[in-house]
PDB file of N, CA and C in Angstrom:
ATOM      1  N   MET A   1     217.749 173.402  74.015  1.00  0.00           N
ATOM      2  CA  MET A   1     219.053 172.945  73.631  1.00  0.00           C
ATOM      3  C   MET A   1     220.060 173.431  74.661  1.00  0.00           C
ATOM      4  N   VAL A   2     220.987 172.552  75.012  1.00  0.00           N
ATOM      5  CA  VAL A   2     222.042 172.896  75.949  1.00  0.00           C
ATOM      6  C   VAL A   2     223.375 172.805  75.222  1.00  0.00           C
ATOM      7  N   VAL A   3     224.174 173.835  75.344  1.00  0.00           N
ATOM      8  CA  VAL A   3     225.510 173.846  74.748  1.00  0.00           C
ATOM      9  C   VAL A   3     226.516 173.918  75.880  1.00  0.00           C
ATOM     10  N   GLU A   4     227.442 172.961  75.890  1.00  0.00           N
ATOM     11  CA  GLU A   4     228.464 172.936  76.923  1.00  0.00           C
ATOM     12  C   GLU A   4     229.838 173.074  76.272  1.00  0.00           C
ATOM     13  N   ALA A   5     230.748 173.720  76.974  1.00  0.00           N
ATOM     14  CA  ALA A   5     232.121 173.852  76.487  1.00  0.00           C
ATOM     15  C   ALA A   5     233.026 172.989  77.358  1.00  0.00           C
ATOM     16  N   LEU A   6     233.975 172.335  76.722  1.00  0.00           N
ATOM     17  CA  LEU A   6     234.944 171.526  77.451  1.00  0.00           C
ATOM     18  C   LEU A   6     236.086 172.404  77.938  1.00  0.00           C
ATOM     19  N   GLU A   7     236.823 171.882  78.900  1.00  0.00           N
ATOM     20  CA  GLU A   7     238.026 172.573  79.346  1.00  0.00           C
ATOM     21  C   GLU A   7     239.004 172.639  78.174  1.00  0.00           C
ATOM     22  N   PRO A   8     239.836 173.669  78.123  1.00  0.00           N
ATOM     23  CA  PRO A   8     240.825 173.758  77.038  1.00  0.00           C
ATOM     24  C   PRO A   8     241.764 172.548  77.047  1.00  0.00           C
ATOM     25  N   LEU A   9     242.115 172.069  75.863  1.00  0.00           N
ATOM     26  CA  LEU A   9     243.042 170.950  75.734  1.00  0.00           C
ATOM     27  C   LEU A   9     244.406 171.461  75.295  1.00  0.00           C
ATOM     28  N   ASP A  10     245.451 170.921  75.874  1.00  0.00           N
ATOM     29  CA  ASP A  10     246.808 171.275  75.455  1.00  0.00           C
ATOM     30  C   ASP A  10     247.223 170.312  74.354  1.00  0.00           C
ATOM     31  N   LEU A  11     247.188 170.775  73.128  1.00  0.00           N
ATOM     32  CA  LEU A  11     247.558 169.944  71.986  1.00  0.00           C
ATOM     33  C   LEU A  11     248.964 170.262  71.488  1.00  0.00           C
ATOM     34  N   SER A  12     249.741 170.981  72.287  1.00  0.00           N
ATOM     35  CA  SER A  12     251.080 171.384  71.859  1.00  0.00           C
ATOM     36  C   SER A  12     251.997 170.191  71.607  1.00  0.00           C
ATOM     37  N   VAL A  13     251.730 169.070  72.246  1.00  0.00           N
ATOM     38  CA  VAL A  13     252.572 167.888  72.029  1.00  0.00           C
ATOM     39  C   VAL A  13     252.413 167.321  70.624  1.00  0.00           C
ATOM     40  N   TYR A  14     251.402 167.759  69.897  1.00  0.00           N
ATOM     41  CA  TYR A  14     251.117 167.253  68.551  1.00  0.00           C
ATOM     42  C   TYR A  14     251.560 168.220  67.456  1.00  0.00           C
ATOM     43  N   ARG A  15     252.427 169.154  67.763  1.00  0.00           N
ATOM     44  CA  ARG A  15     252.787 170.217  66.821  1.00  0.00           C
ATOM     45  C   ARG A  15     253.598 169.778  65.618  1.00  0.00           C
ATOM     46  N   ARG A  16     254.182 168.608  65.640  1.00  0.00           N
ATOM     47  CA  ARG A  16     254.991 168.199  64.493  1.00  0.00           C
ATOM     48  C   ARG A  16     254.139 168.090  63.235  1.00  0.00           C
ATOM     49  N   ALA A  17     252.850 167.905  63.405  1.00  0.00           N
ATOM     50  CA  ALA A  17     251.855 167.912  62.324  1.00  0.00           C
ATOM     51  C   ALA A  17     252.037 166.800  61.303  1.00  0.00           C
ATOM     52  N   GLY A  18     252.688 165.733  61.690  1.00  0.00           N
ATOM     53  CA  GLY A  18     252.730 164.565  60.830  1.00  0.00           C
ATOM     54  C   GLY A  18     251.387 163.847  60.900  1.00  0.00           C
ATOM     55  N   VAL A  19     251.191 162.876  60.039  1.00  0.00           N
ATOM     56  CA  VAL A  19     249.923 162.149  60.003  1.00  0.00           C
ATOM     57  C   VAL A  19     249.622 161.513  61.360  1.00  0.00           C
ATOM     58  N   ASP A  20     250.629 160.899  61.983  1.00  0.00           N
ATOM     59  CA  ASP A  20     250.397 160.261  63.276  1.00  0.00           C
ATOM     60  C   ASP A  20     250.032 161.276  64.347  1.00  0.00           C
ATOM     61  N   ASP A  21     250.648 162.463  64.291  1.00  0.00           N
ATOM     62  CA  ASP A  21     250.333 163.496  65.281  1.00  0.00           C
ATOM     63  C   ASP A  21     248.926 164.043  65.091  1.00  0.00           C
ATOM     64  N   VAL A  22     248.512 164.210  63.861  1.00  0.00           N
ATOM     65  CA  VAL A  22     247.152 164.698  63.603  1.00  0.00           C
ATOM     66  C   VAL A  22     246.138 163.676  64.107  1.00  0.00           C
ATOM     67  N   ARG A  23     246.393 162.418  63.851  1.00  0.00           N
ATOM     68  CA  ARG A  23     245.475 161.380  64.326  1.00  0.00           C
ATOM     69  C   ARG A  23     245.467 161.330  65.844  1.00  0.00           C
ATOM     70  N   ALA A  24     246.639 161.448  66.481  1.00  0.00           N
ATOM     71  CA  ALA A  24     246.714 161.423  67.943  1.00  0.00           C
ATOM     72  C   ALA A  24     245.997 162.625  68.547  1.00  0.00           C
ATOM     73  N   ALA A  25     246.135 163.789  67.920  1.00  0.00           N
ATOM     74  CA  ALA A  25     245.428 164.982  68.401  1.00  0.00           C
ATOM     75  C   ALA A  25     243.920 164.786  68.265  1.00  0.00           C
ATOM     76  N   THR A  26     243.493 164.214  67.140  1.00  0.00           N
ATOM     77  CA  THR A  26     242.070 163.930  66.944  1.00  0.00           C
ATOM     78  C   THR A  26     241.572 162.961  68.011  1.00  0.00           C
ATOM     79  N   ASP A  27     242.358 161.934  68.301  1.00  0.00           N
ATOM     80  CA  ASP A  27     241.977 160.978  69.347  1.00  0.00           C
ATOM     81  C   ASP A  27     241.842 161.665  70.705  1.00  0.00           C
ATOM     82  N   ALA A  28     242.742 162.600  71.008  1.00  0.00           N
ATOM     83  CA  ALA A  28     242.679 163.319  72.280  1.00  0.00           C
ATOM     84  C   ALA A  28     241.410 164.165  72.374  1.00  0.00           C
ATOM     85  N   VAL A  29     241.078 164.853  71.285  1.00  0.00           N
ATOM     86  CA  VAL A  29     239.853 165.670  71.263  1.00  0.00           C
ATOM     87  C   VAL A  29     238.622 164.779  71.407  1.00  0.00           C
ATOM     88  N   MET A  30     238.596 163.678  70.663  1.00  0.00           N
ATOM     89  CA  MET A  30     237.441 162.784  70.728  1.00  0.00           C
ATOM     90  C   MET A  30     237.319 162.128  72.111  1.00  0.00           C
ATOM     91  N   ALA A  31     238.445 161.829  72.758  1.00  0.00           N
ATOM     92  CA  ALA A  31     238.401 161.258  74.110  1.00  0.00           C
ATOM     93  C   ALA A  31     237.784 162.251  75.089  1.00  0.00           C
ATOM     94  N   ALA A  32     238.119 163.521  74.937  1.00  0.00           N
ATOM     95  CA  ALA A  32     237.534 164.547  75.802  1.00  0.00           C
ATOM     96  C   ALA A  32     236.024 164.643  75.579  1.00  0.00           C
ATOM     97  N   ILE A  33     235.612 164.582  74.332  1.00  0.00           N
ATOM     98  CA  ILE A  33     234.175 164.626  74.026  1.00  0.00           C
ATOM     99  C   ILE A  33     233.479 163.388  74.589  1.00  0.00           C
ATOM    100  N   ARG A  34     234.087 162.217  74.385  1.00  0.00           N
ATOM    101  CA  ARG A  34     233.488 160.971  74.901  1.00  0.00           C
ATOM    102  C   ARG A  34     233.350 161.018  76.413  1.00  0.00           C
ATOM    103  N   SER A  35     234.357 161.555  77.102  1.00  0.00           N
ATOM    104  CA  SER A  35     234.285 161.588  78.561  1.00  0.00           C
ATOM    105  C   SER A  35     233.137 162.467  79.033  1.00  0.00           C
ATOM    106  N   ARG A  36     232.811 163.473  78.270  1.00  0.00           N
ATOM    107  CA  ARG A  36     231.725 164.390  78.636  1.00  0.00           C
ATOM    108  C   ARG A  36     230.354 163.843  78.255  1.00  0.00           C
ATOM    109  N   THR A  37     230.287 163.109  77.131  1.00  0.00           N
ATOM    110  CA  THR A  37     228.995 162.667  76.615  1.00  0.00           C
ATOM    111  C   THR A  37     228.648 161.224  76.940  1.00  0.00           C
ATOM    112  N   GLY A  38     229.650 160.445  77.400  1.00  0.00           N
ATOM    113  CA  GLY A  38     229.386 159.046  77.710  1.00  0.00           C
ATOM    114  C   GLY A  38     229.369 158.142  76.492  1.00  0.00           C
ATOM    115  N   GLN A  39     229.845 158.632  75.364  1.00  0.00           N
ATOM    116  CA  GLN A  39     229.874 157.797  74.160  1.00  0.00           C
ATOM    117  C   GLN A  39     230.919 156.708  74.309  1.00  0.00           C
ATOM    118  N   GLU A  40     230.697 155.619  73.589  1.00  0.00           N
ATOM    119  CA  GLU A  40     231.605 154.479  73.630  1.00  0.00           C
ATOM    120  C   GLU A  40     232.708 154.640  72.588  1.00  0.00           C
ATOM    121  N   TYR A  41     233.943 154.240  72.953  1.00  0.00           N
ATOM    122  CA  TYR A  41     235.069 154.297  72.030  1.00  0.00           C
ATOM    123  C   TYR A  41     234.974 153.148  71.030  1.00  0.00           C
ATOM    124  N   VAL A  42     235.140 153.443  69.768  1.00  0.00           N
ATOM    125  CA  VAL A  42     235.172 152.435  68.710  1.00  0.00           C
ATOM    126  C   VAL A  42     236.524 152.559  68.025  1.00  0.00           C
ATOM    127  N   ASP A  43     237.326 151.506  68.103  1.00  0.00           N
ATOM    128  CA  ASP A  43     238.689 151.536  67.577  1.00  0.00           C
ATOM    129  C   ASP A  43     238.708 151.220  66.077  1.00  0.00           C
ATOM    130  N   THR A  44     238.051 152.078  65.298  1.00  0.00           N
ATOM    131  CA  THR A  44     237.970 151.890  63.855  1.00  0.00           C
ATOM    132  C   THR A  44     238.017 153.242  63.175  1.00  0.00           C
ATOM    133  N   TYR A  45     238.791 153.320  62.121  1.00  0.00           N
ATOM    134  CA  TYR A  45     238.832 154.529  61.304  1.00  0.00           C
ATOM    135  C   TYR A  45     238.219 154.217  59.955  1.00  0.00           C
ATOM    136  N   ALA A  46     237.628 155.214  59.344  1.00  0.00           N
ATOM    137  CA  ALA A  46     237.067 155.033  58.012  1.00  0.00           C
ATOM    138  C   ALA A  46     238.184 154.697  57.036  1.00  0.00           C
ATOM    139  N   LYS A  47     237.908 153.794  56.114  1.00  0.00           N
ATOM    140  CA  LYS A  47     238.890 153.423  55.094  1.00  0.00           C
ATOM    141  C   LYS A  47     238.982 154.502  54.026  1.00  0.00           C
ATOM    142  N   GLY A  48     237.905 155.184  53.821  1.00  0.00           N
ATOM    143  CA  GLY A  48     237.878 156.251  52.828  1.00  0.00           C
ATOM    144  C   GLY A  48     236.554 156.971  52.934  1.00  0.00           C
ATOM    145  N   TRP A  49     236.478 158.093  52.314  1.00  0.00           N
ATOM    146  CA  TRP A  49     235.248 158.877  52.380  1.00  0.00           C
ATOM    147  C   TRP A  49     234.770 159.165  50.977  1.00  0.00           C
ATOM    148  N   VAL A  50     233.501 158.944  50.749  1.00  0.00           N
ATOM    149  CA  VAL A  50     232.898 159.225  49.457  1.00  0.00           C
ATOM    150  C   VAL A  50     231.835 160.289  49.686  1.00  0.00           C
ATOM    151  N   PRO A  51     231.918 161.410  48.973  1.00  0.00           N
ATOM    152  CA  PRO A  51     230.893 162.449  49.142  1.00  0.00           C
ATOM    153  C   PRO A  51     229.499 161.858  48.873  1.00  0.00           C
ATOM    154  N   PRO A  52     228.490 162.257  49.625  1.00  0.00           N
ATOM    155  CA  PRO A  52     227.155 161.699  49.455  1.00  0.00           C
ATOM    156  C   PRO A  52     226.640 161.736  48.020  1.00  0.00           C
ATOM    157  N   ALA A  53     226.919 162.784  47.284  1.00  0.00           N
ATOM    158  CA  ALA A  53     226.431 162.881  45.904  1.00  0.00           C
ATOM    159  C   ALA A  53     227.093 161.849  44.995  1.00  0.00           C
ATOM    160  N   ALA A  54     228.284 161.368  45.361  1.00  0.00           N
ATOM    161  CA  ALA A  54     228.983 160.404  44.522  1.00  0.00           C
ATOM    162  C   ALA A  54     228.750 158.965  44.954  1.00  0.00           C
ATOM    163  N   SER A  55     228.085 158.760  46.088  1.00  0.00           N
ATOM    164  CA  SER A  55     227.878 157.404  46.564  1.00  0.00           C
ATOM    165  C   SER A  55     226.745 156.743  45.790  1.00  0.00           C
ATOM    166  N   PRO A  56     226.809 155.408  45.627  1.00  0.00           N
ATOM    167  CA  PRO A  56     225.752 154.703  44.886  1.00  0.00           C
ATOM    168  C   PRO A  56     224.383 154.837  45.548  1.00  0.00           C
ATOM    169  N   GLU A  57     224.352 154.975  46.895  1.00  0.00           N
ATOM    170  CA  GLU A  57     223.068 155.097  47.589  1.00  0.00           C
ATOM    171  C   GLU A  57     222.353 156.403  47.262  1.00  0.00           C
ATOM    172  N   ALA A  58     223.114 157.437  46.869  1.00  0.00           N
ATOM    173  CA  ALA A  58     222.526 158.732  46.595  1.00  0.00           C
ATOM    174  C   ALA A  58     221.855 158.775  45.224  1.00  0.00           C
ATOM    175  N   ALA A  59     222.118 157.789  44.399  1.00  0.00           N
ATOM    176  CA  ALA A  59     221.559 157.779  43.040  1.00  0.00           C
ATOM    177  C   ALA A  59     220.120 157.358  43.028  1.00  0.00           C
TER     178      ALA A  59
END
Protein backbone atom coordinates (compact mmCIF):
# COMPACT_ATOMS: atom_id res chain seq x y z
CA MET A 1 0.00 0.00 0.00
CA VAL A 2 1.22 3.48 -0.86
CA VAL A 3 0.03 6.53 1.05
CA GLU A 4 0.67 9.94 -0.46
CA ALA A 5 0.04 13.37 1.04
CA LEU A 6 -1.05 16.34 -1.02
CA GLU A 7 0.41 19.80 -0.73
CA PRO A 8 -1.40 21.93 1.87
CA LEU A 9 -4.46 23.74 0.51
CA ASP A 10 -5.31 27.32 1.45
CA LEU A 11 -9.01 27.16 2.28
CA SER A 12 -9.07 30.54 4.03
CA VAL A 13 -11.16 32.03 1.22
CA TYR A 14 -14.01 29.74 2.33
CA ARG A 15 -14.15 30.92 5.96
CA ARG A 16 -17.60 32.46 5.81
CA ALA A 17 -18.85 28.88 6.28
CA GLY A 18 -22.08 29.35 4.39
CA VAL A 19 -23.48 26.42 2.42
CA ASP A 20 -21.96 27.71 -0.83
CA ASP A 21 -18.55 28.15 0.81
CA VAL A 22 -18.58 24.65 2.27
CA ARG A 23 -19.45 23.21 -1.12
CA ALA A 24 -16.76 25.32 -2.83
CA ALA A 25 -14.17 24.20 -0.27
CA THR A 26 -15.22 20.58 -0.84
CA ASP A 27 -14.87 21.09 -4.60
CA ALA A 28 -11.36 22.51 -4.10
CA VAL A 29 -10.30 19.52 -1.98
CA MET A 30 -11.80 17.05 -4.44
CA ALA A 31 -10.10 18.83 -7.38
CA ALA A 32 -6.75 18.42 -5.64
CA ILE A 33 -7.43 14.73 -5.09
CA ARG A 34 -8.57 14.28 -8.71
CA SER A 35 -5.44 15.98 -10.02
CA ARG A 36 -3.31 13.52 -8.07
CA THR A 37 -5.31 10.37 -8.82
CA GLY A 38 -6.48 11.02 -12.37
CA GLN A 39 -10.15 10.59 -11.47
CA GLU A 40 -12.76 12.13 -13.73
CA TYR A 41 -14.89 15.08 -12.56
CA VAL A 42 -18.61 14.34 -12.35
CA ASP A 43 -20.77 17.46 -12.02
CA THR A 44 -23.44 15.82 -9.85
CA TYR A 45 -24.24 16.02 -6.17
CA ALA A 46 -26.26 13.48 -4.25
CA LYS A 47 -29.89 14.50 -3.80
CA GLY A 48 -29.96 12.95 -0.38
CA TRP A 49 -28.33 10.30 1.70
CA VAL A 50 -30.01 7.29 3.21
CA PRO A 51 -28.08 5.27 5.80
CA PRO A 52 -27.45 1.73 4.50
CA ALA A 53 -29.52 0.13 7.27
CA ALA A 54 -32.54 2.25 6.27
CA SER A 55 -32.29 1.70 2.53
CA PRO A 56 -34.68 -0.79 0.86
CA GLU A 57 -31.70 -2.70 -0.61
CA ALA A 58 -30.41 -3.47 2.89
CA ALA A 59 -33.60 -5.31 3.84
